[in-house]
Amino acid sequence: MNGLVVQRIRIRWTSRDAAAATVRGRLPQAYALPPLPAGGLTMHEVLRDEAAGYRPMEEVREGEAGAREAGLWIEWRDGVALVDRLPSHASFPVRRADARLFTLAPGQLGRWRANFRFTGCQCSARWWYEQWTVHVAHAPAHADPFREARWSRDRDERVHLYGGPRHGRR
């Protein structure tokens, strides 16, 4: 088994005005990797939260538990990585069943983009939005596999989060 590197970039916000959307739209959608352990499954998390001025907060985790926390289920079959989406805790869009995002042979790269609306528990009326960009490389880690990537698999599941049709998207 080659290594599998997953990078999840989450952008979190509550503001819905055009100026805030412009700021979010200018944030990078891929990052250079920090030094990572060789082999196995490694997860690089990047969170850019509006509440923290969109400063990137990074974390590296090893093993399948990190992938599950990022909403992914990884299986191996004959040297191929099967990457599935786990059910989410989002209020919208509701995705109750897991689904295959893609399969990656050695050397291949995949990207999944999605966005969500979350609400807190009933005792807390807190709500927020997140946009995820998840990169997966079925290859040994090197510093910058994602910024100029040629995607073997590219899945875009972003939806309009505020109601009504999403303009400019088909």
N, C-alpha and C. Protein backbone atom coordinates (compact mmCIF):
# COMPACT_ATOMS: atom_id res chain seq x y z
N MET A 1 0.85 -1.19 0.00
CA MET A 1 0.00 0.00 0.00
C MET A 1 0.88 1.24 0.00
N ASN A 2 0.66 2.12 -0.96
CA ASN A 2 1.32 3.42 -0.94
C ASN A 2 0.71 4.24 0.18
N GLY A 3 1.29 5.39 0.41
CA GLY A 3 0.70 6.28 1.37
C GLY A 3 -0.56 6.94 0.80
N LEU A 4 -1.39 7.39 1.68
CA LEU A 4 -2.57 8.15 1.28
C LEU A 4 -2.54 9.44 2.08
N VAL A 5 -2.56 10.55 1.38
CA VAL A 5 -2.53 11.87 2.03
C VAL A 5 -3.86 12.55 1.75
N VAL A 6 -4.52 13.00 2.82
CA VAL A 6 -5.79 13.71 2.71
C VAL A 6 -5.59 15.11 3.27
N GLN A 7 -6.03 16.10 2.52
CA GLN A 7 -6.01 17.48 2.99
C GLN A 7 -7.44 18.00 2.92
N ARG A 8 -7.97 18.38 4.09
CA ARG A 8 -9.32 18.97 4.11
C ARG A 8 -9.19 20.43 4.51
N ILE A 9 -9.72 21.30 3.65
CA ILE A 9 -9.74 22.73 3.93
C ILE A 9 -11.18 23.10 4.21
N ARG A 10 -11.42 23.60 5.41
CA ARG A 10 -12.77 24.04 5.78
C ARG A 10 -12.76 25.55 5.95
N ILE A 11 -13.71 26.18 5.30
CA ILE A 11 -13.93 27.61 5.49
C ILE A 11 -15.26 27.72 6.21
N ARG A 12 -15.26 28.37 7.38
CA ARG A 12 -16.45 28.47 8.23
C ARG A 12 -16.84 29.93 8.39
N TRP A 13 -18.18 30.19 8.29
CA TRP A 13 -18.65 31.57 8.41
C TRP A 13 -20.08 31.62 8.88
N THR A 14 -20.48 32.83 9.31
CA THR A 14 -21.88 33.12 9.64
C THR A 14 -22.40 34.30 8.83
N SER A 15 -21.52 35.20 8.37
CA SER A 15 -21.94 36.38 7.60
C SER A 15 -22.46 35.97 6.24
N ARG A 16 -23.53 36.66 5.80
CA ARG A 16 -24.10 36.33 4.49
C ARG A 16 -24.05 37.49 3.52
N ASP A 17 -23.31 38.54 3.84
CA ASP A 17 -23.28 39.71 2.95
C ASP A 17 -22.24 39.53 1.84
N ALA A 18 -22.35 40.35 0.82
CA ALA A 18 -21.49 40.24 -0.36
C ALA A 18 -20.02 40.50 -0.03
N ALA A 19 -19.75 41.45 0.86
CA ALA A 19 -18.35 41.75 1.20
C ALA A 19 -17.69 40.54 1.85
N ALA A 20 -18.41 39.87 2.74
CA ALA A 20 -17.86 38.67 3.39
C ALA A 20 -17.66 37.55 2.37
N ALA A 21 -18.58 37.42 1.43
CA ALA A 21 -18.44 36.40 0.39
C ALA A 21 -17.22 36.67 -0.49
N THR A 22 -16.94 37.93 -0.75
CA THR A 22 -15.76 38.28 -1.54
C THR A 22 -14.49 37.86 -0.81
N VAL A 23 -14.43 38.12 0.49
CA VAL A 23 -13.26 37.71 1.29
C VAL A 23 -13.10 36.19 1.23
N ARG A 24 -14.18 35.46 1.44
CA ARG A 24 -14.11 33.98 1.40
C ARG A 24 -13.66 33.48 0.03
N GLY A 25 -14.15 34.11 -1.01
CA GLY A 25 -13.81 33.69 -2.36
C GLY A 25 -12.34 33.86 -2.71
N ARG A 26 -11.65 34.68 -1.98
CA ARG A 26 -10.22 34.92 -2.24
C ARG A 26 -9.31 34.00 -1.43
N LEU A 27 -9.87 33.19 -0.55
CA LEU A 27 -9.04 32.30 0.27
C LEU A 27 -8.52 31.14 -0.58
N PRO A 28 -7.29 30.71 -0.34
CA PRO A 28 -6.73 29.59 -1.10
C PRO A 28 -7.55 28.31 -0.92
N GLN A 29 -7.59 27.51 -1.96
CA GLN A 29 -8.31 26.23 -1.93
C GLN A 29 -7.36 25.04 -1.85
N ALA A 30 -6.06 25.29 -1.73
CA ALA A 30 -5.07 24.23 -1.55
C ALA A 30 -3.87 24.84 -0.84
N TYR A 31 -3.17 24.02 -0.07
CA TYR A 31 -2.04 24.48 0.73
C TYR A 31 -0.88 23.51 0.56
N ALA A 32 0.33 24.03 0.71
CA ALA A 32 1.49 23.15 0.78
C ALA A 32 1.36 22.32 2.04
N LEU A 33 1.85 21.11 1.99
CA LEU A 33 1.78 20.23 3.15
C LEU A 33 2.92 20.51 4.11
N PRO A 34 2.65 20.42 5.41
CA PRO A 34 3.76 20.47 6.36
C PRO A 34 4.51 19.14 6.29
N PRO A 35 5.65 19.01 6.97
CA PRO A 35 6.32 17.71 6.99
C PRO A 35 5.37 16.64 7.54
N LEU A 36 5.24 15.54 6.81
CA LEU A 36 4.32 14.47 7.19
C LEU A 36 5.08 13.16 7.35
N PRO A 37 4.58 12.27 8.18
CA PRO A 37 5.21 10.95 8.29
C PRO A 37 5.08 10.19 6.97
N ALA A 38 6.01 9.31 6.70
CA ALA A 38 5.99 8.53 5.46
C ALA A 38 5.04 7.36 5.58
N GLY A 39 4.33 7.07 4.49
CA GLY A 39 3.47 5.90 4.43
C GLY A 39 2.21 6.04 5.26
N GLY A 40 1.34 5.08 5.13
CA GLY A 40 0.09 5.07 5.90
C GLY A 40 -0.86 6.16 5.45
N LEU A 41 -1.84 6.43 6.28
CA LEU A 41 -2.86 7.44 6.01
C LEU A 41 -2.58 8.65 6.88
N THR A 42 -2.39 9.79 6.24
CA THR A 42 -2.10 11.03 6.95
C THR A 42 -3.12 12.08 6.55
N MET A 43 -3.60 12.81 7.54
CA MET A 43 -4.64 13.81 7.36
C MET A 43 -4.08 15.19 7.70
N HIS A 44 -4.18 16.13 6.76
CA HIS A 44 -3.79 17.52 7.00
C HIS A 44 -5.07 18.35 7.00
N GLU A 45 -5.42 18.89 8.16
CA GLU A 45 -6.62 19.70 8.32
C GLU A 45 -6.24 21.18 8.31
N VAL A 46 -6.99 21.97 7.56
CA VAL A 46 -6.82 23.42 7.57
C VAL A 46 -8.21 24.02 7.80
N LEU A 47 -8.36 24.77 8.88
CA LEU A 47 -9.62 25.46 9.18
C LEU A 47 -9.37 26.95 9.08
N ARG A 48 -10.23 27.63 8.31
CA ARG A 48 -10.21 29.09 8.21
C ARG A 48 -11.59 29.57 8.65
N ASP A 49 -11.64 30.06 9.88
CA ASP A 49 -12.90 30.45 10.50
C ASP A 49 -13.04 31.97 10.49
N GLU A 50 -14.19 32.43 10.04
CA GLU A 50 -14.47 33.87 10.03
C GLU A 50 -14.27 34.47 11.41
N ALA A 51 -14.68 33.74 12.46
CA ALA A 51 -14.57 34.24 13.83
C ALA A 51 -13.12 34.48 14.25
N ALA A 52 -12.17 33.83 13.57
CA ALA A 52 -10.75 34.00 13.87
C ALA A 52 -10.06 34.82 12.78
N GLY A 53 -10.83 35.60 12.02
CA GLY A 53 -10.25 36.42 10.97
C GLY A 53 -9.71 35.61 9.80
N TYR A 54 -10.20 34.41 9.64
CA TYR A 54 -9.79 33.49 8.56
C TYR A 54 -8.32 33.11 8.62
N ARG A 55 -7.69 33.30 9.79
CA ARG A 55 -6.31 32.84 9.94
C ARG A 55 -6.31 31.31 9.86
N PRO A 56 -5.41 30.71 9.08
CA PRO A 56 -5.42 29.24 8.97
C PRO A 56 -4.96 28.58 10.27
N MET A 57 -5.74 27.60 10.71
CA MET A 57 -5.39 26.76 11.84
C MET A 57 -5.18 25.36 11.28
N GLU A 58 -3.97 24.82 11.46
CA GLU A 58 -3.61 23.56 10.84
C GLU A 58 -3.38 22.48 11.89
N GLU A 59 -3.67 21.25 11.49
CA GLU A 59 -3.47 20.08 12.35
C GLU A 59 -3.15 18.89 11.45
N VAL A 60 -2.25 18.04 11.91
CA VAL A 60 -1.91 16.80 11.20
C VAL A 60 -2.29 15.64 12.09
N ARG A 61 -2.99 14.67 11.50
CA ARG A 61 -3.37 13.45 12.22
C ARG A 61 -3.01 12.25 11.37
N GLU A 62 -2.72 11.15 12.03
CA GLU A 62 -2.40 9.92 11.33
C GLU A 62 -3.49 8.89 11.56
N GLY A 63 -3.69 8.04 10.57
CA GLY A 63 -4.59 6.90 10.72
C GLY A 63 -6.00 7.17 10.26
N GLU A 64 -6.78 6.10 10.26
CA GLU A 64 -8.14 6.14 9.74
C GLU A 64 -9.08 7.00 10.58
N ALA A 65 -8.81 7.15 11.87
CA ALA A 65 -9.70 7.96 12.72
C ALA A 65 -9.75 9.40 12.23
N GLY A 66 -8.62 9.94 11.79
CA GLY A 66 -8.59 11.31 11.26
C GLY A 66 -9.44 11.45 10.02
N ALA A 67 -9.39 10.46 9.15
CA ALA A 67 -10.22 10.49 7.94
C ALA A 67 -11.70 10.41 8.30
N ARG A 68 -12.05 9.58 9.26
CA ARG A 68 -13.47 9.48 9.67
C ARG A 68 -13.95 10.80 10.26
N GLU A 69 -13.11 11.46 11.06
CA GLU A 69 -13.48 12.76 11.61
C GLU A 69 -13.71 13.78 10.51
N ALA A 70 -13.05 13.59 9.37
CA ALA A 70 -13.21 14.49 8.23
C ALA A 70 -14.34 14.05 7.30
N GLY A 71 -15.12 13.07 7.72
CA GLY A 71 -16.27 12.64 6.94
C GLY A 71 -15.96 11.65 5.83
N LEU A 72 -14.80 10.98 5.94
CA LEU A 72 -14.39 10.04 4.90
C LEU A 72 -14.24 8.63 5.46
N TRP A 73 -14.57 7.66 4.65
CA TRP A 73 -14.32 6.26 4.96
C TRP A 73 -13.39 5.74 3.86
N ILE A 74 -12.24 5.23 4.27
CA ILE A 74 -11.24 4.75 3.31
C ILE A 74 -11.14 3.23 3.42
N GLU A 75 -11.24 2.56 2.29
CA GLU A 75 -11.02 1.12 2.23
C GLU A 75 -9.98 0.84 1.16
N TRP A 76 -9.34 -0.29 1.29
CA TRP A 76 -8.33 -0.70 0.32
C TRP A 76 -8.77 -1.99 -0.35
N ARG A 77 -8.65 -2.04 -1.67
CA ARG A 77 -8.97 -3.25 -2.41
C ARG A 77 -7.96 -3.39 -3.54
N ASP A 78 -7.14 -4.41 -3.45
CA ASP A 78 -6.13 -4.69 -4.49
C ASP A 78 -5.26 -3.47 -4.80
N GLY A 79 -4.83 -2.77 -3.76
CA GLY A 79 -3.94 -1.62 -3.93
C GLY A 79 -4.63 -0.33 -4.35
N VAL A 80 -5.96 -0.37 -4.50
CA VAL A 80 -6.73 0.81 -4.88
C VAL A 80 -7.42 1.36 -3.64
N ALA A 81 -7.40 2.67 -3.49
CA ALA A 81 -8.07 3.33 -2.37
C ALA A 81 -9.51 3.63 -2.77
N LEU A 82 -10.46 3.13 -1.98
CA LEU A 82 -11.88 3.43 -2.18
C LEU A 82 -12.22 4.52 -1.17
N VAL A 83 -12.64 5.68 -1.65
CA VAL A 83 -12.89 6.83 -0.80
C VAL A 83 -14.39 7.10 -0.82
N ASP A 84 -15.02 6.93 0.35
CA ASP A 84 -16.46 7.15 0.50
C ASP A 84 -16.72 8.33 1.41
N ARG A 85 -17.85 8.97 1.20
CA ARG A 85 -18.33 10.06 2.05
C ARG A 85 -19.21 9.45 3.12
N LEU A 86 -18.97 9.79 4.36
CA LEU A 86 -19.82 9.34 5.46
C LEU A 86 -21.02 10.28 5.60
N PRO A 87 -22.10 9.81 6.22
CA PRO A 87 -23.23 10.72 6.48
C PRO A 87 -22.74 11.92 7.31
N SER A 88 -23.31 13.07 7.04
CA SER A 88 -22.85 14.28 7.72
C SER A 88 -23.82 14.67 8.84
N HIS A 89 -23.34 15.57 9.68
CA HIS A 89 -24.18 16.13 10.76
C HIS A 89 -24.76 17.48 10.35
N ALA A 90 -24.65 17.79 9.08
CA ALA A 90 -25.14 19.08 8.58
C ALA A 90 -26.67 19.11 8.59
N SER A 91 -27.20 20.31 8.79
CA SER A 91 -28.65 20.51 8.68
C SER A 91 -29.08 20.53 7.22
N PHE A 92 -28.19 21.04 6.35
CA PHE A 92 -28.48 21.11 4.92
C PHE A 92 -27.17 21.09 4.16
N PRO A 93 -27.05 20.43 3.06
CA PRO A 93 -28.01 19.45 2.55
C PRO A 93 -27.97 18.18 3.39
N VAL A 94 -29.08 17.50 3.48
CA VAL A 94 -29.17 16.28 4.26
C VAL A 94 -28.66 15.13 3.40
N ARG A 95 -27.63 14.46 3.89
CA ARG A 95 -27.06 13.29 3.21
C ARG A 95 -26.96 12.20 4.25
N ARG A 96 -27.95 11.35 4.29
CA ARG A 96 -27.99 10.33 5.32
C ARG A 96 -27.15 9.10 5.00
N ALA A 97 -27.02 8.76 3.75
CA ALA A 97 -26.29 7.55 3.38
C ALA A 97 -24.88 7.89 2.95
N ASP A 98 -23.98 6.95 3.19
CA ASP A 98 -22.64 7.16 2.68
C ASP A 98 -22.65 6.97 1.17
N ALA A 99 -21.66 7.48 0.51
CA ALA A 99 -21.61 7.42 -0.95
C ALA A 99 -20.16 7.36 -1.41
N ARG A 100 -19.92 6.64 -2.46
CA ARG A 100 -18.57 6.56 -3.04
C ARG A 100 -18.24 7.89 -3.70
N LEU A 101 -17.15 8.49 -3.27
CA LEU A 101 -16.66 9.71 -3.90
C LEU A 101 -15.82 9.36 -5.12
N PHE A 102 -14.84 8.47 -4.91
CA PHE A 102 -14.02 8.03 -6.02
C PHE A 102 -13.13 6.88 -5.59
N THR A 103 -12.52 6.23 -6.57
CA THR A 103 -11.49 5.23 -6.35
C THR A 103 -10.20 5.80 -6.93
N LEU A 104 -9.11 5.55 -6.21
CA LEU A 104 -7.82 6.09 -6.64
C LEU A 104 -6.79 4.98 -6.71
N ALA A 105 -6.23 4.78 -7.88
CA ALA A 105 -5.11 3.87 -8.06
C ALA A 105 -3.83 4.59 -7.63
N PRO A 106 -2.75 3.86 -7.42
CA PRO A 106 -1.50 4.52 -7.04
C PRO A 106 -1.14 5.63 -8.03
N GLY A 107 -0.75 6.78 -7.46
CA GLY A 107 -0.36 7.93 -8.26
C GLY A 107 -1.49 8.87 -8.62
N GLN A 108 -2.74 8.50 -8.32
CA GLN A 108 -3.87 9.34 -8.69
C GLN A 108 -4.24 10.32 -7.57
N LEU A 109 -4.87 11.44 -7.98
CA LEU A 109 -5.32 12.48 -7.06
C LEU A 109 -6.83 12.68 -7.24
N GLY A 110 -7.52 12.88 -6.11
CA GLY A 110 -8.95 13.17 -6.16
C GLY A 110 -9.26 14.43 -5.38
N ARG A 111 -10.35 15.10 -5.80
CA ARG A 111 -10.80 16.31 -5.10
C ARG A 111 -12.31 16.23 -4.95
N TRP A 112 -12.80 16.56 -3.74
CA TRP A 112 -14.23 16.62 -3.46
C TRP A 112 -14.50 18.00 -2.86
N ARG A 113 -15.49 18.69 -3.45
CA ARG A 113 -15.90 19.99 -2.92
C ARG A 113 -17.36 19.90 -2.51
N ALA A 114 -17.66 20.44 -1.32
CA ALA A 114 -19.02 20.41 -0.80
C ALA A 114 -19.20 21.60 0.15
N ASN A 115 -20.45 21.96 0.39
CA ASN A 115 -20.73 22.99 1.38
C ASN A 115 -21.93 22.58 2.20
N PHE A 116 -22.03 23.16 3.39
CA PHE A 116 -23.02 22.71 4.36
C PHE A 116 -23.53 23.87 5.20
N ARG A 117 -24.72 23.69 5.75
CA ARG A 117 -25.27 24.59 6.77
C ARG A 117 -25.44 23.75 8.03
N PHE A 118 -24.90 24.22 9.14
CA PHE A 118 -24.99 23.51 10.41
C PHE A 118 -25.80 24.33 11.40
N THR A 119 -26.47 23.66 12.29
CA THR A 119 -27.15 24.32 13.41
C THR A 119 -26.73 23.62 14.69
N GLY A 120 -26.70 24.39 15.76
CA GLY A 120 -26.37 23.81 17.06
C GLY A 120 -27.52 22.97 17.58
N CYS A 121 -27.39 22.51 18.79
CA CYS A 121 -28.46 21.73 19.40
C CYS A 121 -29.67 22.64 19.68
N GLN A 122 -30.79 22.06 20.05
CA GLN A 122 -32.00 22.85 20.29
C GLN A 122 -31.83 23.83 21.44
N CYS A 123 -30.90 23.55 22.33
CA CYS A 123 -30.68 24.46 23.45
C CYS A 123 -29.81 25.66 23.07
N SER A 124 -29.24 25.63 21.86
CA SER A 124 -28.40 26.71 21.39
C SER A 124 -28.78 27.03 19.94
N ALA A 125 -29.23 28.23 19.70
CA ALA A 125 -29.69 28.61 18.36
C ALA A 125 -28.54 29.04 17.46
N ARG A 126 -27.36 28.52 17.68
CA ARG A 126 -26.19 28.88 16.87
C ARG A 126 -26.25 28.18 15.52
N TRP A 127 -25.87 28.87 14.46
CA TRP A 127 -25.81 28.27 13.13
C TRP A 127 -24.56 28.79 12.43
N TRP A 128 -24.08 28.05 11.45
CA TRP A 128 -22.92 28.44 10.67
C TRP A 128 -22.89 27.66 9.36
N TYR A 129 -22.04 28.12 8.46
CA TYR A 129 -21.87 27.50 7.15
C TYR A 129 -20.42 27.03 7.02
N GLU A 130 -20.22 25.99 6.22
CA GLU A 130 -18.86 25.55 5.92
C GLU A 130 -18.77 25.14 4.47
N GLN A 131 -17.64 25.47 3.87
CA GLN A 131 -17.30 24.95 2.55
C GLN A 131 -16.07 24.06 2.74
N TRP A 132 -16.14 22.85 2.20
CA TRP A 132 -15.03 21.90 2.30
C TRP A 132 -14.42 21.70 0.93
N THR A 133 -13.11 21.67 0.90
CA THR A 133 -12.36 21.20 -0.26
C THR A 133 -11.46 20.09 0.29
N VAL A 134 -11.69 18.87 -0.20
CA VAL A 134 -10.95 17.71 0.28
C VAL A 134 -10.12 17.16 -0.87
N HIS A 135 -8.81 17.11 -0.63
CA HIS A 135 -7.88 16.57 -1.61
C HIS A 135 -7.39 15.22 -1.09
N VAL A 136 -7.26 14.26 -1.98
CA VAL A 136 -6.75 12.94 -1.61
C VAL A 136 -5.70 12.54 -2.63
N ALA A 137 -4.51 12.19 -2.14
CA ALA A 137 -3.42 11.73 -3.01
C ALA A 137 -3.07 10.30 -2.63
N HIS A 138 -3.17 9.39 -3.59
CA HIS A 138 -2.74 8.01 -3.38
C HIS A 138 -1.29 7.93 -3.82
N ALA A 139 -0.43 8.54 -3.02
CA ALA A 139 0.98 8.66 -3.35
C ALA A 139 1.73 9.09 -2.10
N PRO A 140 3.02 8.88 -2.08
CA PRO A 140 3.79 9.39 -0.94
C PRO A 140 3.67 10.90 -0.85
N ALA A 141 3.71 11.40 0.37
CA ALA A 141 3.57 12.84 0.58
C ALA A 141 4.80 13.59 0.08
N HIS A 142 4.57 14.70 -0.58
CA HIS A 142 5.61 15.67 -0.86
C HIS A 142 5.00 17.04 -0.60
N ALA A 143 5.82 18.06 -0.61
CA ALA A 143 5.42 19.36 -0.08
C ALA A 143 4.19 19.97 -0.74
N ASP A 144 3.99 19.80 -2.03
CA ASP A 144 2.95 20.57 -2.69
C ASP A 144 2.21 19.77 -3.77
N PRO A 145 1.51 18.71 -3.39
CA PRO A 145 0.85 17.90 -4.43
C PRO A 145 -0.47 18.47 -4.94
N PHE A 146 -1.06 19.46 -4.25
CA PHE A 146 -2.44 19.84 -4.56
C PHE A 146 -2.62 21.18 -5.25
N ARG A 147 -1.70 22.12 -5.09
CA ARG A 147 -1.94 23.47 -5.64
C ARG A 147 -1.95 23.51 -7.16
N GLU A 148 -1.16 22.70 -7.82
CA GLU A 148 -1.15 22.67 -9.29
C GLU A 148 -1.55 21.28 -9.78
N ALA A 149 -2.45 20.65 -9.07
CA ALA A 149 -2.79 19.25 -9.33
C ALA A 149 -3.55 19.06 -10.64
N ARG A 150 -3.35 17.90 -11.21
CA ARG A 150 -4.17 17.42 -12.33
C ARG A 150 -5.00 16.30 -11.73
N TRP A 151 -6.28 16.57 -11.55
CA TRP A 151 -7.16 15.67 -10.82
C TRP A 151 -7.55 14.46 -11.67
N SER A 152 -7.32 13.28 -11.12
CA SER A 152 -7.81 12.06 -11.75
C SER A 152 -9.31 11.94 -11.53
N ARG A 153 -9.77 12.40 -10.37
CA ARG A 153 -11.19 12.40 -10.02
C ARG A 153 -11.51 13.75 -9.39
N ASP A 154 -12.62 14.36 -9.81
CA ASP A 154 -13.01 15.68 -9.30
C ASP A 154 -14.52 15.67 -9.12
N ARG A 155 -14.98 15.82 -7.88
CA ARG A 155 -16.40 15.76 -7.58
C ARG A 155 -16.83 17.05 -6.89
N ASP A 156 -17.79 17.73 -7.46
CA ASP A 156 -18.27 19.01 -6.92
C ASP A 156 -19.71 18.83 -6.48
N GLU A 157 -19.95 18.86 -5.17
CA GLU A 157 -21.30 18.70 -4.61
C GLU A 157 -21.76 19.95 -3.88
N ARG A 158 -21.24 21.10 -4.27
CA ARG A 158 -21.67 22.34 -3.62
C ARG A 158 -23.09 22.68 -4.06
N VAL A 159 -23.85 23.21 -3.12
CA VAL A 159 -25.24 23.59 -3.37
C VAL A 159 -25.45 25.03 -2.91
N HIS A 160 -26.59 25.60 -3.27
CA HIS A 160 -26.95 26.93 -2.79
C HIS A 160 -27.44 26.79 -1.36
N LEU A 161 -26.78 27.44 -0.42
CA LEU A 161 -27.08 27.25 1.00
C LEU A 161 -28.15 28.18 1.55
N TYR A 162 -28.48 29.24 0.83
CA TYR A 162 -29.37 30.25 1.38
C TYR A 162 -30.78 30.15 0.83
N GLY A 163 -31.08 29.13 0.05
CA GLY A 163 -32.40 29.01 -0.57
C GLY A 163 -32.39 29.59 -1.97
N GLY A 164 -33.25 29.07 -2.83
CA GLY A 164 -33.32 29.54 -4.21
C GLY A 164 -32.27 28.87 -5.07
N PRO A 165 -32.33 29.11 -6.37
CA PRO A 165 -31.38 28.46 -7.29
C PRO A 165 -29.98 29.02 -7.16
N ARG A 166 -28.99 28.19 -7.44
CA ARG A 166 -27.61 28.64 -7.44
C ARG A 166 -27.30 29.17 -8.82
N HIS A 167 -27.02 30.44 -8.94
CA HIS A 167 -26.80 31.09 -10.22
C HIS A 167 -25.41 30.77 -10.76
N GLY A 168 -25.32 30.58 -12.06
CA GLY A 168 -24.05 30.36 -12.70
C GLY A 168 -23.51 28.95 -12.58
N ARG A 169 -24.24 28.04 -11.96
CA ARG A 169 -23.79 26.66 -11.79
C ARG A 169 -24.75 25.74 -12.51
N ARG A 170 -24.24 24.73 -13.11
CA ARG A 170 -25.08 23.72 -13.77
C ARG A 170 -24.78 22.38 -13.20
